[in-house]
Amino acid sequence: MTRTSPEAATQKALVIMAHPAESSLTRTVTSAIVDALQDFDHDAEMVDLATERFNPVFGPADHAAFNGKAPLPEDVRKEQRRIDQVDHLILVYPVYWWTMPALLKGWIDRVFVAGWAFDENAEGRITKRLGRLKVSLVAIAAASEATYLRRGYREAMKVQIEDGIFDFCGAPVVASMLVTPDRLAVASAAREVASTLIGHYQRTL
């Protein structure tokens, strides 16, 4: 890969990983993405939700905040501040039951809330608040591309995650990669995935 000029390195990325194992393909791919971003002089921070023990449960404190009876929990505000400081959010995760793991979905449930990710008025009109934030998705799959296409799982993931979450908040998804086992069979797989993602990333500058 060719390094960009310092003048072009204006992007900051937050790379969120959701996998419990210290040794996993998800972690290998995530590390390769962070390394590739840094090779291009981008500022990249990796967040390991499992290691940080982020609580994904939308509990009583979250519900009280939702109803305007209490402030947001501090761990939620911490995550929102992280996102507020970057231009690009990259989510790297294994596919569990044809979607993202509960750890990552719970992170979204708690962090992407009204008043920050979107607003809703008394008539139910939605104002999208994350139009400045670009999003990339890297899903590590255990089934073949043909299986996803034949059963409609790929389209279901798009509707649920890309449209239902990020488009709802106004954050454009600039890359959505489903990394299937055939792509992971070679030793250079993680670097190749990172290189493909960086190609999408560079086109957003």
N, C-alpha and C. Protein backbone atom coordinates (compact mmCIF):
# COMPACT_ATOMS: atom_id res chain seq x y z
N MET A 1 0.84 -1.20 0.00
CA MET A 1 0.00 0.00 0.00
C MET A 1 0.87 1.25 0.00
N THR A 2 0.36 2.29 -0.60
CA THR A 2 1.11 3.54 -0.69
C THR A 2 0.66 4.49 0.39
N ARG A 3 1.61 5.07 1.07
CA ARG A 3 1.29 6.00 2.14
C ARG A 3 0.78 7.32 1.57
N THR A 4 -0.23 7.90 2.15
CA THR A 4 -0.74 9.19 1.72
C THR A 4 0.15 10.30 2.25
N SER A 5 -0.04 11.48 1.70
CA SER A 5 0.71 12.62 2.19
C SER A 5 0.15 13.06 3.53
N PRO A 6 0.97 13.70 4.40
CA PRO A 6 0.47 14.16 5.69
C PRO A 6 -0.71 15.11 5.56
N GLU A 7 -0.74 15.88 4.46
CA GLU A 7 -1.80 16.86 4.30
C GLU A 7 -3.16 16.18 4.12
N ALA A 8 -3.15 14.93 3.58
CA ALA A 8 -4.40 14.24 3.29
C ALA A 8 -4.92 13.48 4.50
N ALA A 9 -4.09 13.33 5.53
CA ALA A 9 -4.46 12.50 6.69
C ALA A 9 -5.31 13.32 7.66
N THR A 10 -6.57 13.48 7.30
CA THR A 10 -7.45 14.30 8.13
C THR A 10 -8.50 13.46 8.85
N GLN A 11 -8.53 12.16 8.58
CA GLN A 11 -9.58 11.31 9.10
C GLN A 11 -9.19 10.64 10.42
N LYS A 12 -10.14 10.55 11.32
CA LYS A 12 -9.96 9.80 12.55
C LYS A 12 -10.99 8.68 12.56
N ALA A 13 -10.53 7.49 12.90
CA ALA A 13 -11.40 6.33 12.87
C ALA A 13 -11.46 5.66 14.24
N LEU A 14 -12.65 5.18 14.58
CA LEU A 14 -12.86 4.37 15.77
C LEU A 14 -13.22 2.98 15.27
N VAL A 15 -12.39 2.00 15.62
CA VAL A 15 -12.58 0.63 15.15
C VAL A 15 -13.09 -0.20 16.32
N ILE A 16 -14.34 -0.61 16.25
CA ILE A 16 -14.99 -1.35 17.32
C ILE A 16 -14.94 -2.84 17.02
N MET A 17 -14.39 -3.62 17.95
CA MET A 17 -14.34 -5.07 17.78
C MET A 17 -15.23 -5.74 18.82
N ALA A 18 -16.00 -6.74 18.38
CA ALA A 18 -16.90 -7.44 19.30
C ALA A 18 -16.67 -8.94 19.17
N HIS A 19 -15.71 -9.46 19.92
CA HIS A 19 -15.44 -10.89 19.96
C HIS A 19 -14.81 -11.21 21.31
N PRO A 20 -15.26 -12.25 22.01
CA PRO A 20 -14.76 -12.51 23.36
C PRO A 20 -13.38 -13.15 23.43
N ALA A 21 -12.92 -13.78 22.34
CA ALA A 21 -11.67 -14.54 22.39
C ALA A 21 -10.46 -13.66 22.12
N GLU A 22 -9.39 -13.92 22.88
CA GLU A 22 -8.15 -13.17 22.66
C GLU A 22 -7.51 -13.52 21.32
N SER A 23 -7.74 -14.74 20.86
CA SER A 23 -7.23 -15.17 19.56
C SER A 23 -8.42 -15.54 18.68
N SER A 24 -8.67 -14.72 17.66
CA SER A 24 -9.81 -14.97 16.77
C SER A 24 -9.55 -14.31 15.44
N LEU A 25 -10.26 -14.76 14.41
CA LEU A 25 -10.16 -14.12 13.11
C LEU A 25 -10.63 -12.67 13.19
N THR A 26 -11.64 -12.44 14.00
CA THR A 26 -12.16 -11.08 14.16
C THR A 26 -11.07 -10.16 14.68
N ARG A 27 -10.33 -10.61 15.68
CA ARG A 27 -9.25 -9.79 16.22
C ARG A 27 -8.13 -9.60 15.20
N THR A 28 -7.80 -10.66 14.47
CA THR A 28 -6.74 -10.56 13.45
C THR A 28 -7.11 -9.56 12.37
N VAL A 29 -8.36 -9.63 11.91
CA VAL A 29 -8.82 -8.68 10.89
C VAL A 29 -8.85 -7.26 11.44
N THR A 30 -9.32 -7.11 12.67
CA THR A 30 -9.38 -5.78 13.29
C THR A 30 -7.98 -5.18 13.39
N SER A 31 -7.01 -5.96 13.84
CA SER A 31 -5.64 -5.46 13.97
C SER A 31 -5.08 -5.08 12.61
N ALA A 32 -5.38 -5.86 11.58
CA ALA A 32 -4.91 -5.54 10.23
C ALA A 32 -5.51 -4.24 9.73
N ILE A 33 -6.78 -4.00 10.04
CA ILE A 33 -7.44 -2.75 9.63
C ILE A 33 -6.79 -1.56 10.33
N VAL A 34 -6.55 -1.66 11.63
CA VAL A 34 -5.91 -0.57 12.37
C VAL A 34 -4.52 -0.30 11.82
N ASP A 35 -3.76 -1.37 11.56
CA ASP A 35 -2.40 -1.20 11.01
C ASP A 35 -2.46 -0.52 9.65
N ALA A 36 -3.42 -0.92 8.81
CA ALA A 36 -3.53 -0.33 7.47
C ALA A 36 -3.89 1.15 7.55
N LEU A 37 -4.81 1.50 8.44
CA LEU A 37 -5.16 2.91 8.62
C LEU A 37 -3.95 3.72 9.05
N GLN A 38 -3.18 3.18 9.97
CA GLN A 38 -2.00 3.89 10.46
C GLN A 38 -0.92 3.97 9.38
N ASP A 39 -0.85 2.96 8.51
CA ASP A 39 0.09 3.01 7.39
C ASP A 39 -0.22 4.18 6.47
N PHE A 40 -1.50 4.55 6.41
CA PHE A 40 -1.90 5.69 5.59
C PHE A 40 -1.97 6.99 6.40
N ASP A 41 -1.35 6.96 7.58
CA ASP A 41 -1.26 8.14 8.44
C ASP A 41 -2.61 8.60 8.99
N HIS A 42 -3.57 7.70 9.03
CA HIS A 42 -4.83 8.02 9.67
C HIS A 42 -4.74 7.72 11.16
N ASP A 43 -5.49 8.45 11.93
CA ASP A 43 -5.55 8.24 13.37
C ASP A 43 -6.62 7.18 13.64
N ALA A 44 -6.21 6.03 14.17
CA ALA A 44 -7.15 4.93 14.40
C ALA A 44 -7.06 4.44 15.83
N GLU A 45 -8.21 4.34 16.48
CA GLU A 45 -8.29 3.80 17.83
C GLU A 45 -9.11 2.52 17.81
N MET A 46 -8.57 1.44 18.38
CA MET A 46 -9.31 0.19 18.46
C MET A 46 -9.97 0.08 19.82
N VAL A 47 -11.25 -0.30 19.82
CA VAL A 47 -12.00 -0.51 21.05
C VAL A 47 -12.42 -1.98 21.09
N ASP A 48 -11.96 -2.69 22.09
CA ASP A 48 -12.30 -4.10 22.29
C ASP A 48 -13.41 -4.15 23.35
N LEU A 49 -14.65 -4.28 22.92
CA LEU A 49 -15.78 -4.20 23.84
C LEU A 49 -15.74 -5.31 24.90
N ALA A 50 -15.27 -6.49 24.53
CA ALA A 50 -15.23 -7.59 25.48
C ALA A 50 -14.17 -7.35 26.55
N THR A 51 -12.98 -6.94 26.13
CA THR A 51 -11.90 -6.68 27.09
C THR A 51 -12.25 -5.53 28.01
N GLU A 52 -12.91 -4.51 27.47
CA GLU A 52 -13.32 -3.37 28.29
C GLU A 52 -14.54 -3.68 29.16
N ARG A 53 -15.12 -4.85 28.98
CA ARG A 53 -16.28 -5.29 29.75
C ARG A 53 -17.46 -4.32 29.64
N PHE A 54 -17.69 -3.86 28.41
CA PHE A 54 -18.85 -3.00 28.21
C PHE A 54 -20.12 -3.80 28.49
N ASN A 55 -21.02 -3.21 29.25
CA ASN A 55 -22.28 -3.87 29.60
C ASN A 55 -23.30 -3.60 28.49
N PRO A 56 -23.71 -4.62 27.74
CA PRO A 56 -24.62 -4.40 26.62
C PRO A 56 -26.10 -4.38 26.99
N VAL A 57 -26.40 -4.56 28.26
CA VAL A 57 -27.80 -4.67 28.68
C VAL A 57 -28.43 -3.28 28.85
N PHE A 58 -29.49 -3.02 28.11
CA PHE A 58 -30.26 -1.79 28.27
C PHE A 58 -31.09 -1.94 29.54
N GLY A 59 -30.58 -1.41 30.64
CA GLY A 59 -31.17 -1.67 31.95
C GLY A 59 -31.99 -0.51 32.49
N PRO A 60 -32.31 -0.56 33.78
CA PRO A 60 -33.15 0.48 34.39
C PRO A 60 -32.59 1.90 34.25
N ALA A 61 -31.27 2.05 34.36
CA ALA A 61 -30.68 3.39 34.23
C ALA A 61 -30.86 3.93 32.82
N ASP A 62 -30.73 3.05 31.82
CA ASP A 62 -30.93 3.46 30.43
C ASP A 62 -32.39 3.82 30.19
N HIS A 63 -33.29 3.04 30.77
CA HIS A 63 -34.71 3.30 30.59
C HIS A 63 -35.12 4.61 31.25
N ALA A 64 -34.53 4.90 32.42
CA ALA A 64 -34.82 6.17 33.09
C ALA A 64 -34.34 7.34 32.25
N ALA A 65 -33.16 7.19 31.64
CA ALA A 65 -32.64 8.25 30.77
C ALA A 65 -33.53 8.42 29.54
N PHE A 66 -34.01 7.30 28.99
CA PHE A 66 -34.90 7.34 27.83
C PHE A 66 -36.16 8.12 28.13
N ASN A 67 -36.67 7.98 29.35
CA ASN A 67 -37.90 8.67 29.75
C ASN A 67 -37.65 10.08 30.31
N GLY A 68 -36.39 10.52 30.25
CA GLY A 68 -36.08 11.87 30.71
C GLY A 68 -36.09 12.03 32.22
N LYS A 69 -35.96 10.93 32.96
CA LYS A 69 -36.00 10.99 34.41
C LYS A 69 -34.61 10.92 35.05
N ALA A 70 -33.58 10.74 34.22
CA ALA A 70 -32.21 10.64 34.73
C ALA A 70 -31.26 10.93 33.59
N PRO A 71 -30.02 11.33 33.90
CA PRO A 71 -29.03 11.52 32.84
C PRO A 71 -28.59 10.18 32.27
N LEU A 72 -27.96 10.22 31.11
CA LEU A 72 -27.42 9.00 30.53
C LEU A 72 -26.35 8.41 31.45
N PRO A 73 -26.27 7.09 31.56
CA PRO A 73 -25.18 6.47 32.33
C PRO A 73 -23.82 6.92 31.79
N GLU A 74 -22.84 7.04 32.67
CA GLU A 74 -21.55 7.57 32.28
C GLU A 74 -20.85 6.68 31.25
N ASP A 75 -21.03 5.36 31.32
CA ASP A 75 -20.37 4.50 30.33
C ASP A 75 -20.93 4.75 28.93
N VAL A 76 -22.20 5.12 28.84
CA VAL A 76 -22.79 5.46 27.55
C VAL A 76 -22.24 6.79 27.04
N ARG A 77 -22.17 7.77 27.92
CA ARG A 77 -21.62 9.07 27.53
C ARG A 77 -20.17 8.93 27.08
N LYS A 78 -19.41 8.05 27.71
CA LYS A 78 -18.03 7.80 27.30
C LYS A 78 -17.96 7.33 25.85
N GLU A 79 -18.84 6.40 25.50
CA GLU A 79 -18.84 5.89 24.12
C GLU A 79 -19.28 6.97 23.14
N GLN A 80 -20.27 7.76 23.52
CA GLN A 80 -20.71 8.84 22.64
C GLN A 80 -19.60 9.86 22.42
N ARG A 81 -18.84 10.17 23.48
CA ARG A 81 -17.73 11.11 23.33
C ARG A 81 -16.67 10.56 22.39
N ARG A 82 -16.41 9.27 22.48
CA ARG A 82 -15.46 8.64 21.55
C ARG A 82 -15.89 8.84 20.11
N ILE A 83 -17.17 8.59 19.85
CA ILE A 83 -17.67 8.71 18.48
C ILE A 83 -17.69 10.17 18.04
N ASP A 84 -18.00 11.08 18.94
CA ASP A 84 -18.03 12.50 18.61
C ASP A 84 -16.67 13.01 18.12
N GLN A 85 -15.61 12.33 18.50
CA GLN A 85 -14.26 12.78 18.18
C GLN A 85 -13.71 12.20 16.88
N VAL A 86 -14.50 11.37 16.19
CA VAL A 86 -13.98 10.73 14.98
C VAL A 86 -14.86 11.04 13.78
N ASP A 87 -14.30 10.73 12.60
CA ASP A 87 -15.01 10.93 11.35
C ASP A 87 -15.62 9.63 10.83
N HIS A 88 -15.02 8.51 11.26
CA HIS A 88 -15.37 7.23 10.65
C HIS A 88 -15.48 6.17 11.73
N LEU A 89 -16.58 5.42 11.72
CA LEU A 89 -16.81 4.33 12.66
C LEU A 89 -16.73 3.02 11.89
N ILE A 90 -15.86 2.13 12.35
CA ILE A 90 -15.69 0.83 11.70
C ILE A 90 -16.05 -0.27 12.69
N LEU A 91 -17.01 -1.10 12.35
CA LEU A 91 -17.45 -2.19 13.21
C LEU A 91 -16.96 -3.51 12.62
N VAL A 92 -16.25 -4.29 13.43
CA VAL A 92 -15.73 -5.59 12.99
C VAL A 92 -16.29 -6.65 13.94
N TYR A 93 -16.98 -7.65 13.39
CA TYR A 93 -17.67 -8.59 14.27
C TYR A 93 -17.94 -9.91 13.56
N PRO A 94 -18.02 -11.00 14.33
CA PRO A 94 -18.45 -12.27 13.76
C PRO A 94 -19.96 -12.27 13.58
N VAL A 95 -20.44 -13.03 12.64
CA VAL A 95 -21.88 -13.16 12.44
C VAL A 95 -22.40 -14.26 13.35
N TYR A 96 -23.32 -13.89 14.25
CA TYR A 96 -23.99 -14.86 15.12
C TYR A 96 -25.47 -14.89 14.72
N TRP A 97 -25.97 -16.05 14.35
CA TRP A 97 -27.38 -16.17 13.98
C TRP A 97 -27.79 -15.13 12.94
N TRP A 98 -26.92 -14.93 11.96
CA TRP A 98 -27.18 -14.09 10.80
C TRP A 98 -27.29 -12.61 11.14
N THR A 99 -26.64 -12.21 12.20
CA THR A 99 -26.59 -10.78 12.53
C THR A 99 -25.37 -10.52 13.42
N MET A 100 -25.27 -9.35 13.98
CA MET A 100 -24.14 -9.03 14.85
C MET A 100 -24.33 -9.66 16.23
N PRO A 101 -23.24 -9.86 16.99
CA PRO A 101 -23.36 -10.44 18.33
C PRO A 101 -24.13 -9.53 19.28
N ALA A 102 -24.67 -10.13 20.34
CA ALA A 102 -25.42 -9.37 21.33
C ALA A 102 -24.59 -8.26 21.96
N LEU A 103 -23.28 -8.51 22.12
CA LEU A 103 -22.41 -7.49 22.71
C LEU A 103 -22.42 -6.21 21.87
N LEU A 104 -22.32 -6.35 20.55
CA LEU A 104 -22.31 -5.18 19.68
C LEU A 104 -23.69 -4.57 19.54
N LYS A 105 -24.71 -5.42 19.42
CA LYS A 105 -26.07 -4.89 19.31
C LYS A 105 -26.45 -4.14 20.58
N GLY A 106 -26.03 -4.67 21.75
CA GLY A 106 -26.32 -3.97 23.00
C GLY A 106 -25.58 -2.65 23.11
N TRP A 107 -24.36 -2.60 22.55
CA TRP A 107 -23.61 -1.35 22.50
C TRP A 107 -24.40 -0.31 21.70
N ILE A 108 -24.95 -0.73 20.58
CA ILE A 108 -25.76 0.18 19.76
C ILE A 108 -27.04 0.55 20.49
N ASP A 109 -27.69 -0.44 21.11
CA ASP A 109 -28.94 -0.16 21.85
C ASP A 109 -28.73 0.95 22.88
N ARG A 110 -27.62 0.89 23.59
CA ARG A 110 -27.40 1.81 24.69
C ARG A 110 -26.81 3.15 24.23
N VAL A 111 -25.99 3.13 23.19
CA VAL A 111 -25.24 4.33 22.79
C VAL A 111 -25.99 5.17 21.76
N PHE A 112 -26.65 4.54 20.80
CA PHE A 112 -27.30 5.27 19.70
C PHE A 112 -28.73 5.62 20.10
N VAL A 113 -28.85 6.53 21.04
CA VAL A 113 -30.15 6.83 21.63
C VAL A 113 -30.66 8.20 21.19
N ALA A 114 -31.94 8.42 21.44
CA ALA A 114 -32.56 9.71 21.12
C ALA A 114 -31.86 10.82 21.90
N GLY A 115 -31.75 11.96 21.23
CA GLY A 115 -31.06 13.09 21.83
C GLY A 115 -29.60 13.16 21.43
N TRP A 116 -29.08 12.05 20.90
CA TRP A 116 -27.69 12.03 20.42
C TRP A 116 -27.63 11.51 18.99
N ALA A 117 -28.19 10.32 18.74
CA ALA A 117 -28.14 9.76 17.39
C ALA A 117 -29.29 10.28 16.52
N PHE A 118 -30.39 10.62 17.15
CA PHE A 118 -31.56 11.14 16.43
C PHE A 118 -32.44 11.88 17.43
N ASP A 119 -33.38 12.62 16.90
CA ASP A 119 -34.41 13.27 17.73
C ASP A 119 -35.78 12.86 17.20
N GLU A 120 -36.75 12.83 18.09
CA GLU A 120 -38.13 12.55 17.69
C GLU A 120 -39.04 13.55 18.37
N ASN A 121 -39.85 14.25 17.57
CA ASN A 121 -40.74 15.26 18.16
C ASN A 121 -42.07 14.63 18.58
N ALA A 122 -42.94 15.45 19.11
CA ALA A 122 -44.21 14.95 19.65
C ALA A 122 -45.07 14.30 18.58
N GLU A 123 -44.89 14.69 17.33
CA GLU A 123 -45.66 14.10 16.23
C GLU A 123 -45.01 12.85 15.67
N GLY A 124 -43.87 12.45 16.25
CA GLY A 124 -43.18 11.26 15.76
C GLY A 124 -42.23 11.51 14.61
N ARG A 125 -41.99 12.76 14.28
CA ARG A 125 -41.07 13.09 13.19
C ARG A 125 -39.63 12.89 13.66
N ILE A 126 -38.85 12.20 12.84
CA ILE A 126 -37.47 11.88 13.20
C ILE A 126 -36.50 12.85 12.55
N THR A 127 -35.56 13.36 13.34
CA THR A 127 -34.44 14.15 12.83
C THR A 127 -33.17 13.34 13.00
N LYS A 128 -32.48 13.08 11.88
CA LYS A 128 -31.26 12.29 11.91
C LYS A 128 -30.09 13.18 12.32
N ARG A 129 -29.27 12.74 13.28
CA ARG A 129 -28.25 13.60 13.84
C ARG A 129 -26.82 13.16 13.53
N LEU A 130 -26.64 12.03 12.84
CA LEU A 130 -25.28 11.52 12.63
C LEU A 130 -24.83 11.58 11.18
N GLY A 131 -25.29 12.57 10.46
CA GLY A 131 -24.93 12.68 9.06
C GLY A 131 -23.45 12.91 8.81
N ARG A 132 -22.74 13.41 9.80
CA ARG A 132 -21.30 13.68 9.63
C ARG A 132 -20.46 12.41 9.76
N LEU A 133 -21.05 11.33 10.30
CA LEU A 133 -20.29 10.12 10.64
C LEU A 133 -20.39 9.08 9.54
N LYS A 134 -19.24 8.69 8.99
CA LYS A 134 -19.22 7.61 8.00
C LYS A 134 -19.04 6.28 8.74
N VAL A 135 -19.67 5.24 8.19
CA VAL A 135 -19.65 3.92 8.84
C VAL A 135 -19.17 2.86 7.86
N SER A 136 -18.32 1.96 8.35
CA SER A 136 -17.93 0.77 7.60
C SER A 136 -18.23 -0.46 8.45
N LEU A 137 -18.70 -1.52 7.80
CA LEU A 137 -19.08 -2.76 8.48
C LEU A 137 -18.25 -3.91 7.92
N VAL A 138 -17.66 -4.69 8.81
CA VAL A 138 -16.90 -5.87 8.40
C VAL A 138 -17.43 -7.06 9.20
N ALA A 139 -18.22 -7.89 8.55
CA ALA A 139 -18.84 -9.05 9.20
C ALA A 139 -18.07 -10.31 8.82
N ILE A 140 -17.60 -11.05 9.82
CA ILE A 140 -16.83 -12.26 9.60
C ILE A 140 -17.79 -13.44 9.62
N ALA A 141 -17.96 -14.11 8.48
CA ALA A 141 -18.99 -15.14 8.33
C ALA A 141 -18.40 -16.55 8.43
N ALA A 142 -19.26 -17.50 8.81
CA ALA A 142 -18.87 -18.90 8.83
C ALA A 142 -19.52 -19.69 7.70
N ALA A 143 -20.51 -19.09 7.05
CA ALA A 143 -21.20 -19.74 5.93
C ALA A 143 -20.78 -19.09 4.62
N SER A 144 -21.04 -19.77 3.52
CA SER A 144 -20.62 -19.29 2.20
C SER A 144 -21.47 -18.12 1.72
N GLU A 145 -20.94 -17.39 0.78
CA GLU A 145 -21.69 -16.30 0.15
C GLU A 145 -22.96 -16.84 -0.49
N ALA A 146 -22.87 -18.02 -1.08
CA ALA A 146 -24.04 -18.62 -1.73
C ALA A 146 -25.16 -18.87 -0.73
N THR A 147 -24.81 -19.29 0.47
CA THR A 147 -25.82 -19.52 1.50
C THR A 147 -26.53 -18.22 1.87
N TYR A 148 -25.76 -17.17 2.03
CA TYR A 148 -26.35 -15.87 2.38
C TYR A 148 -27.29 -15.39 1.28
N LEU A 149 -26.88 -15.55 0.03
CA LEU A 149 -27.70 -15.08 -1.07
C LEU A 149 -28.93 -15.96 -1.26
N ARG A 150 -28.75 -17.28 -1.17
CA ARG A 150 -29.86 -18.20 -1.42
C ARG A 150 -30.98 -18.03 -0.40
N ARG A 151 -30.62 -17.80 0.84
CA ARG A 151 -31.62 -17.70 1.91
C ARG A 151 -32.03 -16.25 2.23
N GLY A 152 -31.42 -15.30 1.56
CA GLY A 152 -31.79 -13.90 1.78
C GLY A 152 -31.20 -13.29 3.02
N TYR A 153 -30.22 -13.97 3.64
CA TYR A 153 -29.64 -13.45 4.88
C TYR A 153 -28.86 -12.16 4.64
N ARG A 154 -28.19 -12.08 3.50
CA ARG A 154 -27.40 -10.87 3.23
C ARG A 154 -28.30 -9.65 3.15
N GLU A 155 -29.42 -9.78 2.45
CA GLU A 155 -30.36 -8.66 2.33
C GLU A 155 -30.98 -8.35 3.68
N ALA A 156 -31.25 -9.40 4.47
CA ALA A 156 -31.83 -9.18 5.80
C ALA A 156 -30.88 -8.39 6.69
N MET A 157 -29.58 -8.71 6.61
CA MET A 157 -28.60 -7.97 7.39
C MET A 157 -28.53 -6.52 6.94
N LYS A 158 -28.62 -6.29 5.63
CA LYS A 158 -28.59 -4.92 5.12
C LYS A 158 -29.77 -4.12 5.66
N VAL A 159 -30.96 -4.71 5.57
CA VAL A 159 -32.16 -3.99 6.02
C VAL A 159 -32.08 -3.70 7.50
N GLN A 160 -31.66 -4.70 8.29
CA GLN A 160 -31.64 -4.53 9.73
C GLN A 160 -30.56 -3.56 10.18
N ILE A 161 -29.33 -3.74 9.67
CA ILE A 161 -28.19 -2.99 10.20
C ILE A 161 -27.95 -1.69 9.44
N GLU A 162 -27.80 -1.80 8.13
CA GLU A 162 -27.47 -0.60 7.35
C GLU A 162 -28.63 0.38 7.30
N ASP A 163 -29.82 -0.13 6.99
CA ASP A 163 -30.99 0.74 6.87
C ASP A 163 -31.62 1.03 8.24
N GLY A 164 -31.85 -0.04 9.00
CA GLY A 164 -32.60 0.10 10.24
C GLY A 164 -31.87 0.84 11.34
N ILE A 165 -30.55 0.78 11.34
CA ILE A 165 -29.78 1.46 12.38
C ILE A 165 -29.14 2.74 11.84
N PHE A 166 -28.22 2.57 10.89
CA PHE A 166 -27.39 3.72 10.52
C PHE A 166 -28.10 4.72 9.60
N ASP A 167 -28.88 4.24 8.65
CA ASP A 167 -29.64 5.19 7.84
C ASP A 167 -30.67 5.92 8.69
N PHE A 168 -31.25 5.23 9.66
CA PHE A 168 -32.21 5.86 10.57
C PHE A 168 -31.58 7.05 11.30
N CYS A 169 -30.28 6.94 11.60
CA CYS A 169 -29.57 8.02 12.30
C CYS A 169 -28.88 8.98 11.33
N GLY A 170 -28.93 8.67 10.02
CA GLY A 170 -28.33 9.55 9.03
C GLY A 170 -26.87 9.29 8.75
N ALA A 171 -26.28 8.25 9.34
CA ALA A 171 -24.86 7.96 9.14
C ALA A 171 -24.70 7.09 7.89
N PRO A 172 -24.03 7.60 6.85
CA PRO A 172 -23.90 6.82 5.62
C PRO A 172 -22.96 5.62 5.79
N VAL A 173 -23.41 4.46 5.33
CA VAL A 173 -22.56 3.27 5.31
C VAL A 173 -21.78 3.28 4.00
N VAL A 174 -20.47 3.51 4.09
CA VAL A 174 -19.65 3.65 2.89
C VAL A 174 -19.01 2.33 2.47
N ALA A 175 -19.00 1.34 3.37
CA ALA A 175 -18.49 0.01 3.03
C ALA A 175 -19.21 -1.00 3.90
N SER A 176 -19.63 -2.10 3.29
CA SER A 176 -20.27 -3.19 4.03
C SER A 176 -19.73 -4.49 3.46
N MET A 177 -18.84 -5.11 4.22
CA MET A 177 -18.15 -6.30 3.74
C MET A 177 -18.62 -7.54 4.50
N LEU A 178 -19.00 -8.57 3.78
CA LEU A 178 -19.28 -9.87 4.35
C LEU A 178 -18.10 -10.77 3.98
N VAL A 179 -17.28 -11.11 4.96
CA VAL A 179 -16.05 -11.86 4.70
C VAL A 179 -16.33 -13.33 4.93
N THR A 180 -16.46 -14.09 3.85
CA THR A 180 -16.86 -15.49 3.90
C THR A 180 -15.63 -16.41 3.98
N PRO A 181 -15.83 -17.70 4.36
CA PRO A 181 -14.70 -18.60 4.59
C PRO A 181 -13.73 -18.74 3.43
N ASP A 182 -14.22 -18.66 2.19
CA ASP A 182 -13.30 -18.78 1.05
C ASP A 182 -12.28 -17.66 1.04
N ARG A 183 -12.65 -16.48 1.53
CA ARG A 183 -11.71 -15.35 1.58
C ARG A 183 -10.76 -15.46 2.75
N LEU A 184 -11.14 -16.25 3.75
CA LEU A 184 -10.33 -16.36 4.96
C LEU A 184 -9.39 -17.56 4.93
N ALA A 185 -9.40 -18.32 3.83
CA ALA A 185 -8.64 -19.56 3.76
C ALA A 185 -7.15 -19.34 3.55
N VAL A 186 -6.76 -18.17 3.10
CA VAL A 186 -5.34 -17.92 2.81
C VAL A 186 -4.70 -17.13 3.94
N ALA A 187 -3.37 -17.27 4.07
CA ALA A 187 -2.66 -16.63 5.18
C ALA A 187 -2.74 -15.12 5.14
N SER A 188 -2.87 -14.56 3.94
CA SER A 188 -2.90 -13.10 3.79
C SER A 188 -4.30 -12.53 3.89
N ALA A 189 -5.27 -13.34 4.33
CA ALA A 189 -6.68 -12.92 4.30
C ALA A 189 -6.92 -11.61 5.05
N ALA A 190 -6.39 -11.49 6.26
CA ALA A 190 -6.65 -10.29 7.07
C ALA A 190 -6.12 -9.04 6.37
N ARG A 191 -4.92 -9.14 5.80
CA ARG A 191 -4.34 -7.99 5.10
C ARG A 191 -5.17 -7.63 3.86
N GLU A 192 -5.67 -8.65 3.16
CA GLU A 192 -6.46 -8.39 1.97
C GLU A 192 -7.80 -7.73 2.32
N VAL A 193 -8.41 -8.18 3.40
CA VAL A 193 -9.65 -7.54 3.86
C VAL A 193 -9.38 -6.08 4.22
N ALA A 194 -8.30 -5.86 4.96
CA ALA A 194 -7.94 -4.49 5.36
C ALA A 194 -7.67 -3.63 4.13
N SER A 195 -6.99 -4.18 3.14
CA SER A 195 -6.68 -3.42 1.93
C SER A 195 -7.95 -3.03 1.18
N THR A 196 -8.90 -3.97 1.10
CA THR A 196 -10.17 -3.66 0.44
C THR A 196 -10.92 -2.56 1.18
N LEU A 197 -10.95 -2.68 2.50
CA LEU A 197 -11.63 -1.66 3.30
C LEU A 197 -10.97 -0.30 3.14
N ILE A 198 -9.64 -0.27 3.14
CA ILE A 198 -8.93 1.00 2.98
C ILE A 198 -9.24 1.63 1.63
N GLY A 199 -9.43 0.81 0.60
CA GLY A 199 -9.83 1.35 -0.70
C GLY A 199 -11.13 2.12 -0.60
N HIS A 200 -12.12 1.55 0.08
CA HIS A 200 -13.39 2.27 0.31
C HIS A 200 -13.17 3.52 1.16
N TYR A 201 -12.37 3.36 2.18
CA TYR A 201 -12.11 4.45 3.14
C TYR A 201 -11.48 5.64 2.43
N GLN A 202 -10.47 5.37 1.60
CA GLN A 202 -9.76 6.45 0.92
C GLN A 202 -10.68 7.24 -0.02
N ARG A 203 -11.67 6.54 -0.60
CA ARG A 203 -12.57 7.23 -1.52
C ARG A 203 -13.53 8.18 -0.82
N THR A 204 -13.60 8.09 0.51
CA THR A 204 -14.47 9.00 1.26
C THR A 204 -13.77 10.30 1.66
N LEU A 205 -12.47 10.40 1.42
CA LEU A 205 -11.72 11.58 1.86
C LEU A 205 -12.04 12.79 0.99
